[in-house]
């Protein structure tokens, strides 16, 4: 059930364009333009708040034209959905070849998630989102749509595989993932939001305890459901 993340690197020979005149800077690659625009959107959100941010302000912060901005992001909501998805929901999992049990694997995954969510730049973005969310319906819609990202959510994907492996594929994966997050990485994220420093060892111990508590509760729930089913069968005989 281990998640193996691969990264391919394509190395190309430098190409010289005959269309570019002397002294004219090379055109910026689309990926670099997107990266610069998202960084500008992040800065503008923290500086002005979502309601006050306009595409004009993001274009000014990025040093690019509005035309370029709209070519890559058709609307303000599209732009900030891309920003939040990339900065909060997309991260690389470490390959844990030496995890001996599913419990070890889950704790490692949660450690990665907590480390991602408690980075200073991530915490600053979360604070900016919280500050604007009460007045910005668009922002609430973005967060709700990303929260319901199904099996692409790393916790939901892990739990789906784990429950299926143990013969319980229909367990409420979305609800269970929220409970697991709250007990572990979510608690660490809240701690980082309100405290300047976080002890790494304390964080890992909290995550490990939360993961074990969650798994114990999950198995207890399955055992209770199995006993109930068995009792129903016996009563029908």
C-alpha atoms as a PDB file:
ATOM      1  CA  UNK A   1       0.000   0.000   0.000  1.00  0.00           C
ATOM      2  CA  UNK A   2       3.032   2.241  -0.153  1.00  0.00           C
ATOM      3  CA  UNK A   3       2.764   5.372  -2.292  1.00  0.00           C
ATOM      4  CA  UNK A   4       5.784   5.660  -4.563  1.00  0.00           C
ATOM      5  CA  UNK A   5       6.326   9.111  -6.007  1.00  0.00           C
ATOM      6  CA  UNK A   6       8.469   9.279  -9.135  1.00  0.00           C
ATOM      7  CA  UNK A   7      10.073  12.301 -10.739  1.00  0.00           C
ATOM      8  CA  UNK A   8      11.248  12.322 -14.332  1.00  0.00           C
ATOM      9  CA  UNK A   9      13.750  14.882 -15.554  1.00  0.00           C
ATOM     10  CA  UNK A  10      14.005  15.653 -19.245  1.00  0.00           C
ATOM     11  CA  UNK A  11      17.324  17.208 -20.212  1.00  0.00           C
ATOM     12  CA  UNK A  12      17.304  19.056 -23.514  1.00  0.00           C
ATOM     13  CA  UNK A  13      20.102  20.610 -25.450  1.00  0.00           C
ATOM     14  CA  UNK A  14      19.862  24.431 -25.451  1.00  0.00           C
ATOM     15  CA  UNK A  15      18.136  25.733 -28.541  1.00  0.00           C
ATOM     16  CA  UNK A  16      18.921  29.034 -30.190  1.00  0.00           C
ATOM     17  CA  UNK A  17      16.028  30.809 -31.844  1.00  0.00           C
ATOM     18  CA  UNK A  18      16.756  32.649 -35.069  1.00  0.00           C
ATOM     19  CA  UNK A  19      13.635  34.775 -34.507  1.00  0.00           C
ATOM     20  CA  UNK A  20      15.016  36.571 -31.464  1.00  0.00           C
ATOM     21  CA  UNK A  21      16.892  39.745 -32.255  1.00  0.00           C
ATOM     22  CA  UNK A  22      20.094  40.778 -30.515  1.00  0.00           C
ATOM     23  CA  UNK A  23      19.514  42.066 -27.004  1.00  0.00           C
ATOM     24  CA  UNK A  24      15.919  40.824 -26.841  1.00  0.00           C
ATOM     25  CA  UNK A  25      15.311  38.654 -23.725  1.00  0.00           C
ATOM     26  CA  UNK A  26      14.089  35.100 -24.304  1.00  0.00           C
ATOM     27  CA  UNK A  27      10.378  34.461 -23.795  1.00  0.00           C
ATOM     28  CA  UNK A  28       9.556  33.127 -20.322  1.00  0.00           C
ATOM     29  CA  UNK A  29       8.292  29.553 -20.263  1.00  0.00           C
ATOM     30  CA  UNK A  30       4.638  29.084 -19.350  1.00  0.00           C
ATOM     31  CA  UNK A  31       5.478  27.150 -16.190  1.00  0.00           C
ATOM     32  CA  UNK A  32       7.665  30.033 -15.018  1.00  0.00           C
ATOM     33  CA  UNK A  33       4.931  32.560 -15.783  1.00  0.00           C
ATOM     34  CA  UNK A  34       2.420  30.500 -13.821  1.00  0.00           C
ATOM     35  CA  UNK A  35       4.828  30.226 -10.899  1.00  0.00           C
ATOM     36  CA  UNK A  36       5.427  33.981 -10.838  1.00  0.00           C
ATOM     37  CA  UNK A  37       1.705  34.766 -11.046  1.00  0.00           C
ATOM     38  CA  UNK A  38       0.841  32.358  -8.222  1.00  0.00           C
ATOM     39  CA  UNK A  39       3.537  33.904  -6.022  1.00  0.00           C
ATOM     40  CA  UNK A  40       2.110  37.347  -6.785  1.00  0.00           C
ATOM     41  CA  UNK A  41      -1.418  36.144  -5.968  1.00  0.00           C
ATOM     42  CA  UNK A  42      -0.151  34.741  -2.665  1.00  0.00           C
ATOM     43  CA  UNK A  43       1.498  38.056  -1.798  1.00  0.00           C
ATOM     44  CA  UNK A  44      -1.588  40.064  -2.832  1.00  0.00           C
ATOM     45  CA  UNK A  45      -3.923  37.861  -0.788  1.00  0.00           C
ATOM     46  CA  UNK A  46      -1.826  38.326   2.347  1.00  0.00           C
ATOM     47  CA  UNK A  47      -1.442  42.069   1.752  1.00  0.00           C
ATOM     48  CA  UNK A  48      -4.958  43.084   0.705  1.00  0.00           C
ATOM     49  CA  UNK A  49      -7.335  40.202   1.560  1.00  0.00           C
ATOM     50  CA  UNK A  50      -9.376  38.277  -1.003  1.00  0.00           C
ATOM     51  CA  UNK A  51     -12.164  40.816  -1.449  1.00  0.00           C
ATOM     52  CA  UNK A  52      -9.783  43.675  -2.203  1.00  0.00           C
ATOM     53  CA  UNK A  53      -7.529  41.716  -4.554  1.00  0.00           C
ATOM     54  CA  UNK A  54      -8.127  42.343  -8.229  1.00  0.00           C
ATOM     55  CA  UNK A  55      -6.568  40.796 -11.295  1.00  0.00           C
ATOM     56  CA  UNK A  56      -5.016  44.230 -11.912  1.00  0.00           C
ATOM     57  CA  UNK A  57      -3.200  44.081  -8.572  1.00  0.00           C
ATOM     58  CA  UNK A  58      -1.988  40.543  -9.206  1.00  0.00           C
ATOM     59  CA  UNK A  59      -0.724  41.577 -12.651  1.00  0.00           C
ATOM     60  CA  UNK A  60       1.137  44.523 -11.107  1.00  0.00           C
ATOM     61  CA  UNK A  61       2.685  42.339  -8.380  1.00  0.00           C
ATOM     62  CA  UNK A  62       3.794  39.765 -10.955  1.00  0.00           C
ATOM     63  CA  UNK A  63       5.178  42.321 -13.404  1.00  0.00           C
ATOM     64  CA  UNK A  64       3.064  40.828 -16.188  1.00  0.00           C
ATOM     65  CA  UNK A  65       0.232  42.070 -18.338  1.00  0.00           C
ATOM     66  CA  UNK A  66      -3.432  41.378 -17.588  1.00  0.00           C
ATOM     67  CA  UNK A  67      -3.623  39.676 -20.962  1.00  0.00           C
ATOM     68  CA  UNK A  68      -1.007  37.118 -19.887  1.00  0.00           C
ATOM     69  CA  UNK A  69      -2.805  36.687 -16.565  1.00  0.00           C
ATOM     70  CA  UNK A  70      -6.157  35.935 -18.201  1.00  0.00           C
ATOM     71  CA  UNK A  71      -4.560  33.579 -20.729  1.00  0.00           C
ATOM     72  CA  UNK A  72      -3.376  31.364 -17.885  1.00  0.00           C
ATOM     73  CA  UNK A  73      -6.203  31.966 -15.382  1.00  0.00           C
ATOM     74  CA  UNK A  74      -9.599  32.877 -16.883  1.00  0.00           C
ATOM     75  CA  UNK A  75     -10.952  34.366 -13.638  1.00  0.00           C
ATOM     76  CA  UNK A  76      -9.960  35.494 -10.166  1.00  0.00           C
ATOM     77  CA  UNK A  77     -11.607  32.390  -8.693  1.00  0.00           C
ATOM     78  CA  UNK A  78      -9.647  30.111 -11.062  1.00  0.00           C
ATOM     79  CA  UNK A  79      -6.433  31.870 -10.062  1.00  0.00           C
ATOM     80  CA  UNK A  80      -6.948  31.494  -6.329  1.00  0.00           C
ATOM     81  CA  UNK A  81      -8.226  27.946  -6.646  1.00  0.00           C
ATOM     82  CA  UNK A  82      -4.970  27.070  -8.413  1.00  0.00           C
ATOM     83  CA  UNK A  83      -2.962  28.879  -5.745  1.00  0.00           C
ATOM     84  CA  UNK A  84      -4.668  27.172  -2.799  1.00  0.00           C
ATOM     85  CA  UNK A  85      -4.665  23.745  -4.428  1.00  0.00           C
ATOM     86  CA  UNK A  86      -0.962  23.943  -5.247  1.00  0.00           C
ATOM     87  CA  UNK A  87       0.204  25.462  -1.962  1.00  0.00           C
ATOM     88  CA  UNK A  88      -2.017  23.520   0.454  1.00  0.00           C
ATOM     89  CA  UNK A  89      -3.189  20.312  -1.204  1.00  0.00           C
ATOM     90  CA  UNK A  90      -0.330  19.260  -3.485  1.00  0.00           C
ATOM     91  CA  UNK A  91       2.825  17.893  -1.917  1.00  0.00           C
ATOM     92  CA  UNK A  92       5.237  15.015  -2.422  1.00  0.00           C
ATOM     93  CA  UNK A  93       5.174  11.956  -0.195  1.00  0.00           C
ATOM     94  CA  UNK A  94       8.441  10.461   0.975  1.00  0.00           C
ATOM     95  CA  UNK A  95       9.098   6.899  -0.159  1.00  0.00           C
ATOM     96  CA  UNK A  96       9.077   4.804   3.026  1.00  0.00           C
ATOM     97  CA  UNK A  97      10.620   1.501   2.019  1.00  0.00           C
ATOM     98  CA  UNK A  98      11.278   0.471   5.620  1.00  0.00           C
ATOM     99  CA  UNK A  99       7.755   0.861   6.988  1.00  0.00           C
ATOM    100  CA  UNK A 100       7.073  -2.536   8.546  1.00  0.00           C
ATOM    101  CA  UNK A 101       3.349  -2.082   9.146  1.00  0.00           C
ATOM    102  CA  UNK A 102       0.406  -0.126   7.772  1.00  0.00           C
ATOM    103  CA  UNK A 103       0.477   1.863  11.014  1.00  0.00           C
ATOM    104  CA  UNK A 104       4.090   2.928  10.388  1.00  0.00           C
ATOM    105  CA  UNK A 105       3.195   3.862   6.833  1.00  0.00           C
ATOM    106  CA  UNK A 106       0.253   5.997   7.974  1.00  0.00           C
ATOM    107  CA  UNK A 107       2.317   7.776  10.630  1.00  0.00           C
ATOM    108  CA  UNK A 108       4.956   8.568   8.007  1.00  0.00           C
ATOM    109  CA  UNK A 109       2.341   9.957   5.632  1.00  0.00           C
ATOM    110  CA  UNK A 110       0.866  12.122   8.408  1.00  0.00           C
ATOM    111  CA  UNK A 111       4.342  13.366   9.355  1.00  0.00           C
ATOM    112  CA  UNK A 112       4.830  14.507   5.753  1.00  0.00           C
ATOM    113  CA  UNK A 113       1.428  16.178   5.698  1.00  0.00           C
ATOM    114  CA  UNK A 114       2.017  17.985   9.006  1.00  0.00           C
ATOM    115  CA  UNK A 115       5.469  19.150   7.869  1.00  0.00           C
ATOM    116  CA  UNK A 116       3.929  20.557   4.683  1.00  0.00           C
ATOM    117  CA  UNK A 117       1.087  22.347   6.471  1.00  0.00           C
ATOM    118  CA  UNK A 118       3.279  23.882   9.175  1.00  0.00           C
ATOM    119  CA  UNK A 119       5.872  25.475   6.902  1.00  0.00           C
ATOM    120  CA  UNK A 120       5.993  29.260   7.582  1.00  0.00           C
ATOM    121  CA  UNK A 121       4.805  30.171   4.067  1.00  0.00           C
ATOM    122  CA  UNK A 122       1.923  27.692   4.276  1.00  0.00           C
ATOM    123  CA  UNK A 123       0.862  28.985   7.691  1.00  0.00           C
ATOM    124  CA  UNK A 124       0.865  32.567   6.385  1.00  0.00           C
ATOM    125  CA  UNK A 125      -1.365  31.550   3.475  1.00  0.00           C
ATOM    126  CA  UNK A 126      -3.772  29.734   5.816  1.00  0.00           C
ATOM    127  CA  UNK A 127      -3.963  32.827   8.043  1.00  0.00           C
ATOM    128  CA  UNK A 128      -4.792  34.974   5.001  1.00  0.00           C
ATOM    129  CA  UNK A 129      -7.517  32.533   3.924  1.00  0.00           C
ATOM    130  CA  UNK A 130      -9.042  32.493   7.418  1.00  0.00           C
ATOM    131  CA  UNK A 131      -9.010  36.301   7.572  1.00  0.00           C
ATOM    132  CA  UNK A 132     -10.919  36.582   4.272  1.00  0.00           C
ATOM    133  CA  UNK A 133     -13.174  33.517   4.316  1.00  0.00           C
ATOM    134  CA  UNK A 134     -15.993  34.995   6.437  1.00  0.00           C
ATOM    135  CA  UNK A 135     -16.628  37.768   3.880  1.00  0.00           C
ATOM    136  CA  UNK A 136     -15.711  36.009   0.622  1.00  0.00           C
ATOM    137  CA  UNK A 137     -18.168  33.406  -0.631  1.00  0.00           C
ATOM    138  CA  UNK A 138     -15.906  32.610  -3.585  1.00  0.00           C
ATOM    139  CA  UNK A 139     -13.122  31.682  -1.195  1.00  0.00           C
ATOM    140  CA  UNK A 140     -15.410  29.435   0.855  1.00  0.00           C
ATOM    141  CA  UNK A 141     -16.542  27.717  -2.360  1.00  0.00           C
ATOM    142  CA  UNK A 142     -12.908  27.121  -3.335  1.00  0.00           C
ATOM    143  CA  UNK A 143     -12.056  25.571   0.023  1.00  0.00           C
ATOM    144  CA  UNK A 144     -15.165  23.356  -0.009  1.00  0.00           C
ATOM    145  CA  UNK A 145     -14.508  22.116  -3.544  1.00  0.00           C
ATOM    146  CA  UNK A 146     -10.883  21.289  -2.752  1.00  0.00           C
ATOM    147  CA  UNK A 147     -11.823  19.595   0.519  1.00  0.00           C
ATOM    148  CA  UNK A 148     -14.097  17.224  -1.401  1.00  0.00           C
ATOM    149  CA  UNK A 149     -11.328  16.044  -3.727  1.00  0.00           C
ATOM    150  CA  UNK A 150     -12.106  12.355  -3.261  1.00  0.00           C
ATOM    151  CA  UNK A 151      -9.428   9.739  -3.787  1.00  0.00           C
ATOM    152  CA  UNK A 152      -6.896  12.352  -4.925  1.00  0.00           C
ATOM    153  CA  UNK A 153      -6.829  13.426  -1.250  1.00  0.00           C
ATOM    154  CA  UNK A 154      -3.838  11.579   0.225  1.00  0.00           C
ATOM    155  CA  UNK A 155      -5.634  10.571   3.422  1.00  0.00           C
ATOM    156  CA  UNK A 156      -8.759   9.434   1.601  1.00  0.00           C
ATOM    157  CA  UNK A 157      -6.648   7.447  -0.852  1.00  0.00           C
ATOM    158  CA  UNK A 158      -4.755   5.702   1.966  1.00  0.00           C
ATOM    159  CA  UNK A 159      -7.920   4.974   3.955  1.00  0.00           C
ATOM    160  CA  UNK A 160      -9.746   3.684   0.879  1.00  0.00           C
ATOM    161  CA  UNK A 161      -6.935   1.173   0.251  1.00  0.00           C
ATOM    162  CA  UNK A 162      -6.697   0.243   3.941  1.00  0.00           C
ATOM    163  CA  UNK A 163     -10.438  -0.306   4.399  1.00  0.00           C
ATOM    164  CA  UNK A 164     -10.668  -2.324   1.192  1.00  0.00           C
ATOM    165  CA  UNK A 165      -7.733  -4.486   2.271  1.00  0.00           C
ATOM    166  CA  UNK A 166      -9.523  -5.237   5.571  1.00  0.00           C
ATOM    167  CA  UNK A 167     -12.851  -6.013   3.903  1.00  0.00           C
ATOM    168  CA  UNK A 168     -14.671  -2.726   4.635  1.00  0.00           C
ATOM    169  CA  UNK A 169     -14.684  -0.834   1.321  1.00  0.00           C
ATOM    170  CA  UNK A 170     -17.937   1.039   2.015  1.00  0.00           C
ATOM    171  CA  UNK A 171     -16.774   2.776   5.202  1.00  0.00           C
ATOM    172  CA  UNK A 172     -17.423   6.568   5.082  1.00  0.00           C
ATOM    173  CA  UNK A 173     -13.994   7.456   3.741  1.00  0.00           C
ATOM    174  CA  UNK A 174     -14.526  11.231   3.597  1.00  0.00           C
ATOM    175  CA  UNK A 175     -15.760  11.451   7.194  1.00  0.00           C
ATOM    176  CA  UNK A 176     -13.053   9.106   8.462  1.00  0.00           C
ATOM    177  CA  UNK A 177     -10.352  11.120   6.678  1.00  0.00           C
ATOM    178  CA  UNK A 178     -11.591  14.309   8.359  1.00  0.00           C
ATOM    179  CA  UNK A 179     -11.501  12.610  11.761  1.00  0.00           C
ATOM    180  CA  UNK A 180      -7.988  11.286  11.165  1.00  0.00           C
ATOM    181  CA  UNK A 181      -6.778  14.700   9.977  1.00  0.00           C
ATOM    182  CA  UNK A 182      -8.245  16.443  13.038  1.00  0.00           C
ATOM    183  CA  UNK A 183      -6.514  14.032  15.413  1.00  0.00           C
ATOM    184  CA  UNK A 184      -3.108  14.387  13.775  1.00  0.00           C
ATOM    185  CA  UNK A 185      -1.898  16.839  11.116  1.00  0.00           C
ATOM    186  CA  UNK A 186      -4.841  19.181  11.691  1.00  0.00           C
ATOM    187  CA  UNK A 187      -4.013  19.503  15.374  1.00  0.00           C
ATOM    188  CA  UNK A 188      -0.382  20.274  14.481  1.00  0.00           C
ATOM    189  CA  UNK A 189      -1.529  22.887  11.961  1.00  0.00           C
ATOM    190  CA  UNK A 190      -3.725  24.609  14.577  1.00  0.00           C
ATOM    191  CA  UNK A 191      -0.814  24.574  17.019  1.00  0.00           C
ATOM    192  CA  UNK A 192       1.432  26.253  14.429  1.00  0.00           C
ATOM    193  CA  UNK A 193      -1.208  28.898  13.677  1.00  0.00           C
ATOM    194  CA  UNK A 194      -1.197  30.103  17.284  1.00  0.00           C
ATOM    195  CA  UNK A 195       2.360  29.354  18.412  1.00  0.00           C
ATOM    196  CA  UNK A 196       5.660  30.644  17.105  1.00  0.00           C
ATOM    197  CA  UNK A 197       7.602  27.441  17.625  1.00  0.00           C
ATOM    198  CA  UNK A 198       6.781  23.751  17.300  1.00  0.00           C
ATOM    199  CA  UNK A 199       8.860  20.973  18.827  1.00  0.00           C
ATOM    200  CA  UNK A 200       9.471  18.349  16.132  1.00  0.00           C
ATOM    201  CA  UNK A 201       9.580  15.426  18.562  1.00  0.00           C
ATOM    202  CA  UNK A 202       6.370  16.533  20.288  1.00  0.00           C
ATOM    203  CA  UNK A 203       4.725  16.866  16.892  1.00  0.00           C
ATOM    204  CA  UNK A 204       5.735  13.355  15.827  1.00  0.00           C
ATOM    205  CA  UNK A 205       4.603  11.876  19.147  1.00  0.00           C
ATOM    206  CA  UNK A 206       1.225  13.617  18.839  1.00  0.00           C
ATOM    207  CA  UNK A 207       0.770  12.337  15.285  1.00  0.00           C
ATOM    208  CA  UNK A 208       1.767   8.783  16.208  1.00  0.00           C
ATOM    209  CA  UNK A 209      -0.637   8.738  19.181  1.00  0.00           C
ATOM    210  CA  UNK A 210      -3.464  10.158  17.064  1.00  0.00           C
ATOM    211  CA  UNK A 211      -2.913   7.657  14.252  1.00  0.00           C
ATOM    212  CA  UNK A 212      -2.875   4.698  16.657  1.00  0.00           C
ATOM    213  CA  UNK A 213      -6.000   5.962  18.430  1.00  0.00           C
ATOM    214  CA  UNK A 214      -7.789   6.363  15.106  1.00  0.00           C
ATOM    215  CA  UNK A 215      -6.867   2.882  13.858  1.00  0.00           C
ATOM    216  CA  UNK A 216      -7.865   1.294  17.180  1.00  0.00           C
ATOM    217  CA  UNK A 217     -11.234   3.048  16.995  1.00  0.00           C
ATOM    218  CA  UNK A 218     -11.718   1.995  13.379  1.00  0.00           C
ATOM    219  CA  UNK A 219     -11.093  -1.675  14.176  1.00  0.00           C
ATOM    220  CA  UNK A 220     -13.349  -1.464  17.234  1.00  0.00           C
ATOM    221  CA  UNK A 221     -16.096  -0.068  15.020  1.00  0.00           C
ATOM    222  CA  UNK A 222     -15.658  -2.898  12.532  1.00  0.00           C
ATOM    223  CA  UNK A 223     -15.685  -5.481  15.329  1.00  0.00           C
ATOM    224  CA  UNK A 224     -18.889  -4.017  16.757  1.00  0.00           C
ATOM    225  CA  UNK A 225     -20.535  -4.057  13.324  1.00  0.00           C
ATOM    226  CA  UNK A 226     -19.479  -7.691  12.800  1.00  0.00           C
ATOM    227  CA  UNK A 227     -20.924  -8.738  16.189  1.00  0.00           C
ATOM    228  CA  UNK A 228     -24.163  -6.939  15.394  1.00  0.00           C
ATOM    229  CA  UNK A 229     -24.428  -8.693  12.046  1.00  0.00           C
ATOM    230  CA  UNK A 230     -23.725 -12.071  13.660  1.00  0.00           C
ATOM    231  CA  UNK A 231     -26.395 -11.459  16.303  1.00  0.00           C
ATOM    232  CA  UNK A 232     -28.916 -10.554  13.606  1.00  0.00           C
ATOM    233  CA  UNK A 233     -28.124 -13.780  11.748  1.00  0.00           C
ATOM    234  CA  UNK A 234     -28.482 -15.873  14.905  1.00  0.00           C
ATOM    235  CA  UNK A 235     -31.792 -14.237  15.809  1.00  0.00           C
ATOM    236  CA  UNK A 236     -33.220 -15.160  12.394  1.00  0.00           C
ATOM    237  CA  UNK A 237     -32.431 -18.853  12.851  1.00  0.00           C
END
